[in-house]
Protein backbone atom coordinates (compact mmCIF):
# COMPACT_ATOMS: atom_id res chain seq x y z
CA MET A 1 -9.00 12.90 -4.07
CA ALA A 2 -10.15 11.37 -7.32
CA VAL A 3 -10.38 13.38 -10.41
CA PRO A 4 -13.93 12.89 -12.38
CA THR A 5 -13.18 10.73 -15.05
CA THR A 6 -16.17 11.22 -17.14
CA GLY A 7 -15.45 12.79 -20.71
CA ARG A 8 -11.70 12.22 -20.09
CA THR A 9 -10.16 12.23 -23.72
CA ALA A 10 -6.91 10.72 -24.86
CA ASP A 11 -5.56 14.04 -25.45
CA GLU A 12 -6.66 15.08 -21.99
CA LEU A 13 -4.84 11.72 -20.50
CA THR A 14 -2.00 12.14 -22.39
CA ALA A 15 -1.25 15.68 -20.68
CA TRP A 16 -2.05 14.27 -17.37
CA LEU A 17 0.47 11.66 -17.87
CA SER A 18 3.08 13.90 -19.24
CA ASP A 19 2.67 16.35 -16.21
CA ARG A 20 3.06 13.38 -13.85
CA ILE A 21 5.91 11.81 -15.39
CA ALA A 22 7.51 15.07 -16.07
CA LEU A 23 7.69 15.15 -12.56
CA TYR A 24 9.04 12.01 -11.32
CA LEU A 25 11.70 12.71 -14.12
CA LYS A 26 12.46 16.14 -13.06
CA ARG A 27 11.65 17.43 -16.59
CA ARG A 28 9.37 19.95 -18.15
CA SER A 29 6.28 18.25 -19.37
CA GLU A 30 6.86 19.76 -22.89
CA GLU A 31 9.91 17.42 -22.77
CA ILE A 32 8.05 14.66 -22.86
CA ASP A 33 7.09 13.12 -26.06
CA PRO A 34 4.15 10.99 -25.96
CA VAL A 35 5.69 8.61 -28.78
CA VAL A 36 9.12 8.24 -27.15
CA PRO A 37 9.10 4.75 -24.84
CA LEU A 38 9.37 5.94 -21.09
CA ALA A 39 12.46 3.78 -20.75
CA GLU A 40 14.10 6.20 -23.05
CA TYR A 41 13.81 8.68 -20.43
CA GLY A 42 15.19 6.85 -17.57
CA LEU A 43 11.81 5.96 -16.00
CA ASP A 44 12.51 3.41 -13.46
CA SER A 45 10.50 0.57 -11.78
CA VAL A 46 10.05 3.09 -8.50
CA ALA A 47 8.71 5.84 -10.80
CA ALA A 48 6.66 3.28 -12.62
CA LEU A 49 5.13 1.98 -9.38
CA SER A 50 4.49 5.41 -8.33
CA LEU A 51 2.72 6.34 -11.66
CA CYS A 52 0.94 3.43 -11.26
CA GLY A 53 -0.59 4.06 -7.60
CA ASP A 54 -1.27 7.96 -9.13
CA ILE A 55 -3.46 6.54 -11.97
CA GLU A 56 -5.12 4.11 -9.13
CA GLU A 57 -6.05 7.14 -7.12
CA ASP A 58 -6.69 9.85 -9.32
CA PHE A 59 -9.24 7.60 -11.62
CA ASP A 60 -10.04 5.18 -9.39
CA LEU A 61 -8.71 2.01 -11.84
CA VAL A 62 -7.38 -0.92 -10.48
CA LEU A 63 -4.26 -1.60 -12.59
CA GLU A 64 -1.16 -4.00 -12.98
CA PRO A 65 1.75 -2.73 -11.60
CA THR A 66 3.53 -3.51 -14.97
CA VAL A 67 1.41 -0.96 -16.63
CA ALA A 68 3.81 1.54 -17.75
CA TRP A 69 6.05 -1.19 -19.13
CA ASP A 70 3.15 -2.90 -21.11
CA TYR A 71 2.06 0.48 -22.46
CA PRO A 72 5.79 1.72 -22.77
CA THR A 73 4.58 5.15 -24.29
CA VAL A 74 2.47 8.04 -22.91
CA GLN A 75 0.36 7.75 -26.06
CA ALA A 76 0.03 3.86 -25.79
CA LEU A 77 -0.94 4.48 -21.92
CA ALA A 78 -3.39 7.09 -22.42
CA ALA A 79 -5.21 4.96 -24.95
CA HIS A 80 -5.38 2.17 -22.86
CA LEU A 81 -6.43 4.17 -19.97
CA ALA A 82 -8.95 6.06 -21.98
CA GLU A 83 -10.55 2.51 -22.93
CA SER A 84 -10.27 1.08 -19.58
CA LEU A 85 -12.05 4.35 -18.09
CA ALA A 86 -14.99 4.01 -21.04
CA THR A 87 -15.27 -0.09 -19.86
CA GLU A 88 -15.42 1.30 -16.41
CA ALA A 89 -18.40 3.87 -17.20
CA ALA A 90 -20.24 1.37 -19.08
CA ALA A 91 -20.09 -1.17 -16.48
CA SER A 92 -21.33 1.64 -13.92
């Protein structure tokens, strides 16, 4: 079931991403620093693809499977998602 995306802020997306990444890495979301590269936490390609799938499902966005490497921190990825969601909203 898709989450409503209207009005999603970068902060809300950062929290969502931190929660999701913490789940994959078996950590608490508080341990995920938004400016630390995900690779430093040990995010592997399987988790990165799963994250991409979760984003596509929850936010109804189509992303390149390399999105976690193209935007290597939670902060960068959240900013990209916020921009993508705004573009999608403007197009509809």
